[in-house]
């Protein structure tokens, strides 16, 4: 029996270590894809993750490739790990498909698809020296350089309005730069260039912001 112990104990240790790895692997993999959480919600909204849909409430985790949908009259705000905030209006759809924030390497990468009215306020990713940050919509793509901006349906078309910072608005037909707070552009189709930047009237700004304002 004594001669078996030196052989048995290494085998036992190996089995225990393997079981520990198998037990912890799913949680670790899930944690690696977690990018933020829902921190505000009004009316009905849901998060579809790994094929399962759950009602969105304060504290609901958001992972890469999760689908977030809001219903009629809804508002929802997601805060990412770097403190970037994404606010959705009613009947909107959001998917975060890329999120990398590495302060040690001073590097950031973010991309998402949004349909419907939204507001984007960049967090610490904006200060990274090496960064690729963009928001895609059915009509256009916004390249972000440290920014607070609104986008969504307005006046029978799609508008993009800059509240702070700078963004490049691109479509298949061309691009414009919004580099001063108060400037906006309109997009009639994905194949057409954005309109020349103009200062939006306060009445139009108020209507735009109201689509993502919590009651």
C-alpha atoms as a PDB file:
ATOM      1  CA  UNK A   1       0.000   0.000   0.000  1.00  0.00           C
ATOM      2  CA  UNK A   2       2.766   2.399   0.909  1.00  0.00           C
ATOM      3  CA  UNK A   3       4.386   1.774  -2.460  1.00  0.00           C
ATOM      4  CA  UNK A   4       1.137   2.738  -4.218  1.00  0.00           C
ATOM      5  CA  UNK A   5       0.827   6.125  -2.518  1.00  0.00           C
ATOM      6  CA  UNK A   6       3.525   7.922  -4.582  1.00  0.00           C
ATOM      7  CA  UNK A   7       1.662   6.828  -7.721  1.00  0.00           C
ATOM      8  CA  UNK A   8      -1.937   7.401  -6.545  1.00  0.00           C
ATOM      9  CA  UNK A   9      -1.556  10.901  -5.109  1.00  0.00           C
ATOM     10  CA  UNK A  10      -0.221  12.488  -8.318  1.00  0.00           C
ATOM     11  CA  UNK A  11      -3.154  10.928 -10.184  1.00  0.00           C
ATOM     12  CA  UNK A  12      -5.640  12.258  -7.617  1.00  0.00           C
ATOM     13  CA  UNK A  13      -4.093  15.716  -7.835  1.00  0.00           C
ATOM     14  CA  UNK A  14      -4.321  15.642 -11.615  1.00  0.00           C
ATOM     15  CA  UNK A  15      -8.013  14.676 -11.517  1.00  0.00           C
ATOM     16  CA  UNK A  16      -8.836  17.413  -9.005  1.00  0.00           C
ATOM     17  CA  UNK A  17      -7.009  20.033 -11.086  1.00  0.00           C
ATOM     18  CA  UNK A  18      -8.797  18.940 -14.260  1.00  0.00           C
ATOM     19  CA  UNK A  19     -12.211  19.109 -12.580  1.00  0.00           C
ATOM     20  CA  UNK A  20     -11.402  22.566 -11.250  1.00  0.00           C
ATOM     21  CA  UNK A  21     -10.486  23.783 -14.731  1.00  0.00           C
ATOM     22  CA  UNK A  22     -13.659  22.334 -16.233  1.00  0.00           C
ATOM     23  CA  UNK A  23     -15.777  23.868 -13.481  1.00  0.00           C
ATOM     24  CA  UNK A  24     -14.262  27.330 -13.762  1.00  0.00           C
ATOM     25  CA  UNK A  25     -13.926  27.521 -17.560  1.00  0.00           C
ATOM     26  CA  UNK A  26     -17.519  28.567 -18.386  1.00  0.00           C
ATOM     27  CA  UNK A  27     -17.504  31.380 -15.809  1.00  0.00           C
ATOM     28  CA  UNK A  28     -14.125  32.628 -16.997  1.00  0.00           C
ATOM     29  CA  UNK A  29     -15.187  32.580 -20.640  1.00  0.00           C
ATOM     30  CA  UNK A  30     -18.381  34.432 -19.759  1.00  0.00           C
ATOM     31  CA  UNK A  31     -16.479  37.033 -17.753  1.00  0.00           C
ATOM     32  CA  UNK A  32     -14.129  37.694 -20.666  1.00  0.00           C
ATOM     33  CA  UNK A  33     -17.038  38.623 -22.955  1.00  0.00           C
ATOM     34  CA  UNK A  34     -18.866  40.777 -20.427  1.00  0.00           C
ATOM     35  CA  UNK A  35     -18.613  44.420 -21.490  1.00  0.00           C
ATOM     36  CA  UNK A  36     -21.022  46.298 -19.247  1.00  0.00           C
ATOM     37  CA  UNK A  37     -24.446  46.354 -17.637  1.00  0.00           C
ATOM     38  CA  UNK A  38     -27.857  47.967 -17.823  1.00  0.00           C
ATOM     39  CA  UNK A  39     -27.932  50.828 -15.328  1.00  0.00           C
ATOM     40  CA  UNK A  40     -31.218  52.523 -16.259  1.00  0.00           C
ATOM     41  CA  UNK A  41     -34.380  51.204 -17.868  1.00  0.00           C
ATOM     42  CA  UNK A  42     -37.886  52.527 -18.467  1.00  0.00           C
ATOM     43  CA  UNK A  43     -40.815  50.388 -19.679  1.00  0.00           C
ATOM     44  CA  UNK A  44     -40.209  47.089 -21.498  1.00  0.00           C
ATOM     45  CA  UNK A  45     -36.798  46.061 -22.817  1.00  0.00           C
ATOM     46  CA  UNK A  46     -34.989  42.761 -23.221  1.00  0.00           C
ATOM     47  CA  UNK A  47     -31.524  41.314 -23.579  1.00  0.00           C
ATOM     48  CA  UNK A  48     -31.057  38.275 -25.798  1.00  0.00           C
ATOM     49  CA  UNK A  49     -27.909  36.393 -24.776  1.00  0.00           C
ATOM     50  CA  UNK A  50     -26.810  32.991 -26.058  1.00  0.00           C
ATOM     51  CA  UNK A  51     -30.255  32.347 -27.469  1.00  0.00           C
ATOM     52  CA  UNK A  52     -32.102  33.218 -24.246  1.00  0.00           C
ATOM     53  CA  UNK A  53     -34.176  36.389 -23.858  1.00  0.00           C
ATOM     54  CA  UNK A  54     -34.544  38.003 -20.454  1.00  0.00           C
ATOM     55  CA  UNK A  55     -36.239  41.184 -19.336  1.00  0.00           C
ATOM     56  CA  UNK A  56     -33.742  44.027 -18.941  1.00  0.00           C
ATOM     57  CA  UNK A  57     -33.543  45.407 -15.423  1.00  0.00           C
ATOM     58  CA  UNK A  58     -30.977  47.488 -13.580  1.00  0.00           C
ATOM     59  CA  UNK A  59     -27.867  45.342 -13.213  1.00  0.00           C
ATOM     60  CA  UNK A  60     -28.532  43.026 -16.166  1.00  0.00           C
ATOM     61  CA  UNK A  61     -25.101  42.134 -17.642  1.00  0.00           C
ATOM     62  CA  UNK A  62     -24.309  42.872 -21.276  1.00  0.00           C
ATOM     63  CA  UNK A  63     -21.894  40.661 -23.217  1.00  0.00           C
ATOM     64  CA  UNK A  64     -20.381  40.864 -26.663  1.00  0.00           C
ATOM     65  CA  UNK A  65     -22.944  40.055 -29.362  1.00  0.00           C
ATOM     66  CA  UNK A  66     -25.909  40.270 -26.985  1.00  0.00           C
ATOM     67  CA  UNK A  67     -28.983  41.792 -28.631  1.00  0.00           C
ATOM     68  CA  UNK A  68     -30.653  44.560 -26.658  1.00  0.00           C
ATOM     69  CA  UNK A  69     -34.151  45.604 -27.741  1.00  0.00           C
ATOM     70  CA  UNK A  70     -36.496  48.243 -26.367  1.00  0.00           C
ATOM     71  CA  UNK A  71     -40.262  48.319 -26.714  1.00  0.00           C
ATOM     72  CA  UNK A  72     -42.796  51.136 -27.219  1.00  0.00           C
ATOM     73  CA  UNK A  73     -42.174  54.103 -24.912  1.00  0.00           C
ATOM     74  CA  UNK A  74     -39.004  52.493 -23.539  1.00  0.00           C
ATOM     75  CA  UNK A  75     -35.634  53.940 -22.653  1.00  0.00           C
ATOM     76  CA  UNK A  76     -32.516  51.961 -21.719  1.00  0.00           C
ATOM     77  CA  UNK A  77     -28.987  52.980 -20.755  1.00  0.00           C
ATOM     78  CA  UNK A  78     -25.966  50.675 -20.861  1.00  0.00           C
ATOM     79  CA  UNK A  79     -22.718  51.576 -19.113  1.00  0.00           C
ATOM     80  CA  UNK A  80     -19.623  49.819 -20.463  1.00  0.00           C
ATOM     81  CA  UNK A  81     -16.564  48.893 -18.419  1.00  0.00           C
ATOM     82  CA  UNK A  82     -14.736  52.099 -19.382  1.00  0.00           C
ATOM     83  CA  UNK A  83     -17.786  54.213 -18.401  1.00  0.00           C
ATOM     84  CA  UNK A  84     -18.968  54.749 -21.990  1.00  0.00           C
ATOM     85  CA  UNK A  85     -22.739  55.250 -21.931  1.00  0.00           C
ATOM     86  CA  UNK A  86     -25.172  54.164 -24.642  1.00  0.00           C
ATOM     87  CA  UNK A  87     -28.784  55.282 -24.290  1.00  0.00           C
ATOM     88  CA  UNK A  88     -31.544  53.839 -26.475  1.00  0.00           C
ATOM     89  CA  UNK A  89     -34.961  55.242 -27.266  1.00  0.00           C
ATOM     90  CA  UNK A  90     -38.111  53.246 -27.962  1.00  0.00           C
ATOM     91  CA  UNK A  91     -38.189  50.357 -30.439  1.00  0.00           C
ATOM     92  CA  UNK A  92     -34.396  50.408 -30.725  1.00  0.00           C
ATOM     93  CA  UNK A  93     -31.854  47.637 -31.228  1.00  0.00           C
ATOM     94  CA  UNK A  94     -28.233  47.488 -30.020  1.00  0.00           C
ATOM     95  CA  UNK A  95     -25.437  44.928 -30.478  1.00  0.00           C
ATOM     96  CA  UNK A  96     -21.905  45.536 -29.157  1.00  0.00           C
ATOM     97  CA  UNK A  97     -19.662  43.364 -31.324  1.00  0.00           C
ATOM     98  CA  UNK A  98     -16.204  44.684 -30.362  1.00  0.00           C
ATOM     99  CA  UNK A  99     -14.941  46.063 -27.077  1.00  0.00           C
ATOM    100  CA  UNK A 100     -11.295  46.308 -26.058  1.00  0.00           C
ATOM    101  CA  UNK A 101      -9.990  48.730 -23.446  1.00  0.00           C
ATOM    102  CA  UNK A 102      -6.387  48.255 -22.341  1.00  0.00           C
ATOM    103  CA  UNK A 103      -5.107  51.236 -20.314  1.00  0.00           C
ATOM    104  CA  UNK A 104      -1.687  49.608 -19.891  1.00  0.00           C
ATOM    105  CA  UNK A 105      -1.195  49.537 -23.666  1.00  0.00           C
ATOM    106  CA  UNK A 106      -3.141  52.818 -24.092  1.00  0.00           C
ATOM    107  CA  UNK A 107      -5.310  51.008 -26.632  1.00  0.00           C
ATOM    108  CA  UNK A 108      -9.053  50.870 -27.264  1.00  0.00           C
ATOM    109  CA  UNK A 109     -11.352  49.338 -29.830  1.00  0.00           C
ATOM    110  CA  UNK A 110     -15.122  49.538 -29.949  1.00  0.00           C
ATOM    111  CA  UNK A 111     -17.821  48.908 -32.522  1.00  0.00           C
ATOM    112  CA  UNK A 112     -21.562  48.456 -32.305  1.00  0.00           C
ATOM    113  CA  UNK A 113     -24.674  48.314 -34.439  1.00  0.00           C
ATOM    114  CA  UNK A 114     -27.631  50.475 -33.427  1.00  0.00           C
ATOM    115  CA  UNK A 115     -31.054  50.828 -35.000  1.00  0.00           C
ATOM    116  CA  UNK A 116     -33.372  53.537 -33.698  1.00  0.00           C
ATOM    117  CA  UNK A 117     -32.766  56.663 -31.626  1.00  0.00           C
ATOM    118  CA  UNK A 118     -29.664  56.635 -29.419  1.00  0.00           C
ATOM    119  CA  UNK A 119     -27.142  58.782 -27.570  1.00  0.00           C
ATOM    120  CA  UNK A 120     -23.471  57.863 -27.246  1.00  0.00           C
ATOM    121  CA  UNK A 121     -21.217  59.392 -24.579  1.00  0.00           C
ATOM    122  CA  UNK A 122     -17.673  58.038 -24.756  1.00  0.00           C
ATOM    123  CA  UNK A 123     -15.842  57.074 -21.568  1.00  0.00           C
ATOM    124  CA  UNK A 124     -12.161  56.363 -21.011  1.00  0.00           C
ATOM    125  CA  UNK A 125     -11.752  54.784 -24.447  1.00  0.00           C
ATOM    126  CA  UNK A 126     -11.714  58.331 -25.815  1.00  0.00           C
ATOM    127  CA  UNK A 127      -8.392  59.097 -24.107  1.00  0.00           C
ATOM    128  CA  UNK A 128      -6.528  56.083 -25.554  1.00  0.00           C
ATOM    129  CA  UNK A 129      -3.710  57.026 -27.921  1.00  0.00           C
ATOM    130  CA  UNK A 130      -4.399  54.076 -30.219  1.00  0.00           C
ATOM    131  CA  UNK A 131      -8.116  53.623 -30.778  1.00  0.00           C
ATOM    132  CA  UNK A 132     -10.741  52.590 -33.280  1.00  0.00           C
ATOM    133  CA  UNK A 133     -14.188  53.570 -32.069  1.00  0.00           C
ATOM    134  CA  UNK A 134     -17.257  53.480 -34.288  1.00  0.00           C
ATOM    135  CA  UNK A 135     -21.024  53.183 -34.201  1.00  0.00           C
ATOM    136  CA  UNK A 136     -22.802  51.641 -37.194  1.00  0.00           C
ATOM    137  CA  UNK A 137     -26.422  52.238 -38.158  1.00  0.00           C
ATOM    138  CA  UNK A 138     -28.432  51.107 -41.199  1.00  0.00           C
ATOM    139  CA  UNK A 139     -27.806  54.517 -42.782  1.00  0.00           C
ATOM    140  CA  UNK A 140     -24.258  55.468 -41.763  1.00  0.00           C
ATOM    141  CA  UNK A 141     -21.142  54.781 -39.692  1.00  0.00           C
ATOM    142  CA  UNK A 142     -19.794  57.244 -37.148  1.00  0.00           C
ATOM    143  CA  UNK A 143     -16.072  57.348 -36.437  1.00  0.00           C
ATOM    144  CA  UNK A 144     -15.708  58.686 -32.911  1.00  0.00           C
ATOM    145  CA  UNK A 145     -12.903  60.797 -31.508  1.00  0.00           C
ATOM    146  CA  UNK A 146     -14.103  61.410 -27.969  1.00  0.00           C
ATOM    147  CA  UNK A 147     -17.681  62.424 -28.225  1.00  0.00           C
ATOM    148  CA  UNK A 148     -21.233  62.958 -27.066  1.00  0.00           C
ATOM    149  CA  UNK A 149     -23.701  62.682 -29.940  1.00  0.00           C
ATOM    150  CA  UNK A 150     -27.267  61.745 -30.820  1.00  0.00           C
ATOM    151  CA  UNK A 151     -28.559  59.773 -33.794  1.00  0.00           C
ATOM    152  CA  UNK A 152     -31.917  58.560 -35.002  1.00  0.00           C
ATOM    153  CA  UNK A 153     -35.052  59.159 -37.064  1.00  0.00           C
ATOM    154  CA  UNK A 154     -36.176  62.785 -37.256  1.00  0.00           C
ATOM    155  CA  UNK A 155     -38.162  64.881 -39.728  1.00  0.00           C
ATOM    156  CA  UNK A 156     -38.761  61.903 -42.023  1.00  0.00           C
ATOM    157  CA  UNK A 157     -35.068  61.066 -42.346  1.00  0.00           C
ATOM    158  CA  UNK A 158     -32.072  60.101 -40.196  1.00  0.00           C
ATOM    159  CA  UNK A 159     -30.184  62.759 -38.270  1.00  0.00           C
ATOM    160  CA  UNK A 160     -26.839  62.857 -36.469  1.00  0.00           C
ATOM    161  CA  UNK A 161     -26.289  65.680 -33.987  1.00  0.00           C
ATOM    162  CA  UNK A 162     -23.073  66.519 -32.096  1.00  0.00           C
ATOM    163  CA  UNK A 163     -23.327  67.640 -28.484  1.00  0.00           C
ATOM    164  CA  UNK A 164     -19.578  67.551 -27.755  1.00  0.00           C
ATOM    165  CA  UNK A 165     -16.312  66.361 -29.324  1.00  0.00           C
ATOM    166  CA  UNK A 166     -15.883  65.333 -32.955  1.00  0.00           C
ATOM    167  CA  UNK A 167     -17.181  62.601 -35.245  1.00  0.00           C
ATOM    168  CA  UNK A 168     -16.887  61.567 -38.875  1.00  0.00           C
ATOM    169  CA  UNK A 169     -20.193  60.531 -40.436  1.00  0.00           C
ATOM    170  CA  UNK A 170     -19.779  58.167 -43.396  1.00  0.00           C
ATOM    171  CA  UNK A 171     -22.197  56.646 -45.884  1.00  0.00           C
ATOM    172  CA  UNK A 172     -21.636  54.814 -49.153  1.00  0.00           C
ATOM    173  CA  UNK A 173     -21.982  58.193 -50.874  1.00  0.00           C
ATOM    174  CA  UNK A 174     -19.447  60.208 -48.880  1.00  0.00           C
ATOM    175  CA  UNK A 175     -18.616  61.652 -45.474  1.00  0.00           C
ATOM    176  CA  UNK A 176     -18.789  64.819 -43.405  1.00  0.00           C
ATOM    177  CA  UNK A 177     -17.046  65.889 -40.188  1.00  0.00           C
ATOM    178  CA  UNK A 178     -18.957  67.301 -37.231  1.00  0.00           C
ATOM    179  CA  UNK A 179     -16.293  69.127 -35.225  1.00  0.00           C
ATOM    180  CA  UNK A 180     -18.277  71.699 -33.268  1.00  0.00           C
ATOM    181  CA  UNK A 181     -21.050  71.212 -30.716  1.00  0.00           C
ATOM    182  CA  UNK A 182     -24.408  72.105 -32.202  1.00  0.00           C
ATOM    183  CA  UNK A 183     -23.703  70.842 -35.709  1.00  0.00           C
ATOM    184  CA  UNK A 184     -25.862  68.195 -37.309  1.00  0.00           C
ATOM    185  CA  UNK A 185     -26.266  66.356 -40.575  1.00  0.00           C
ATOM    186  CA  UNK A 186     -29.143  64.559 -42.289  1.00  0.00           C
ATOM    187  CA  UNK A 187     -29.009  61.275 -44.201  1.00  0.00           C
ATOM    188  CA  UNK A 188     -31.681  60.414 -46.747  1.00  0.00           C
ATOM    189  CA  UNK A 189     -30.243  57.047 -47.828  1.00  0.00           C
ATOM    190  CA  UNK A 190     -27.190  54.857 -47.188  1.00  0.00           C
ATOM    191  CA  UNK A 191     -26.116  55.383 -50.797  1.00  0.00           C
ATOM    192  CA  UNK A 192     -26.326  59.193 -50.586  1.00  0.00           C
ATOM    193  CA  UNK A 193     -23.762  61.502 -48.947  1.00  0.00           C
ATOM    194  CA  UNK A 194     -24.666  63.124 -45.621  1.00  0.00           C
ATOM    195  CA  UNK A 195     -25.880  66.699 -45.900  1.00  0.00           C
ATOM    196  CA  UNK A 196     -23.462  69.544 -45.218  1.00  0.00           C
ATOM    197  CA  UNK A 197     -23.105  70.199 -41.457  1.00  0.00           C
ATOM    198  CA  UNK A 198     -25.378  72.961 -40.177  1.00  0.00           C
ATOM    199  CA  UNK A 199     -26.315  74.291 -36.754  1.00  0.00           C
ATOM    200  CA  UNK A 200     -29.598  72.743 -35.684  1.00  0.00           C
ATOM    201  CA  UNK A 201     -32.343  74.946 -34.295  1.00  0.00           C
ATOM    202  CA  UNK A 202     -32.934  74.500 -30.570  1.00  0.00           C
ATOM    203  CA  UNK A 203     -36.450  73.214 -31.242  1.00  0.00           C
ATOM    204  CA  UNK A 204     -35.032  70.385 -33.362  1.00  0.00           C
ATOM    205  CA  UNK A 205     -32.345  69.603 -30.782  1.00  0.00           C
ATOM    206  CA  UNK A 206     -34.997  69.366 -28.067  1.00  0.00           C
ATOM    207  CA  UNK A 207     -37.078  66.947 -30.149  1.00  0.00           C
ATOM    208  CA  UNK A 208     -34.037  64.784 -30.850  1.00  0.00           C
ATOM    209  CA  UNK A 209     -32.836  64.582 -27.250  1.00  0.00           C
ATOM    210  CA  UNK A 210     -36.376  63.897 -26.026  1.00  0.00           C
ATOM    211  CA  UNK A 211     -36.345  60.558 -27.881  1.00  0.00           C
ATOM    212  CA  UNK A 212     -33.702  59.228 -25.459  1.00  0.00           C
ATOM    213  CA  UNK A 213     -34.694  61.142 -22.304  1.00  0.00           C
ATOM    214  CA  UNK A 214     -36.045  59.184 -19.340  1.00  0.00           C
ATOM    215  CA  UNK A 215     -39.410  60.285 -17.969  1.00  0.00           C
END
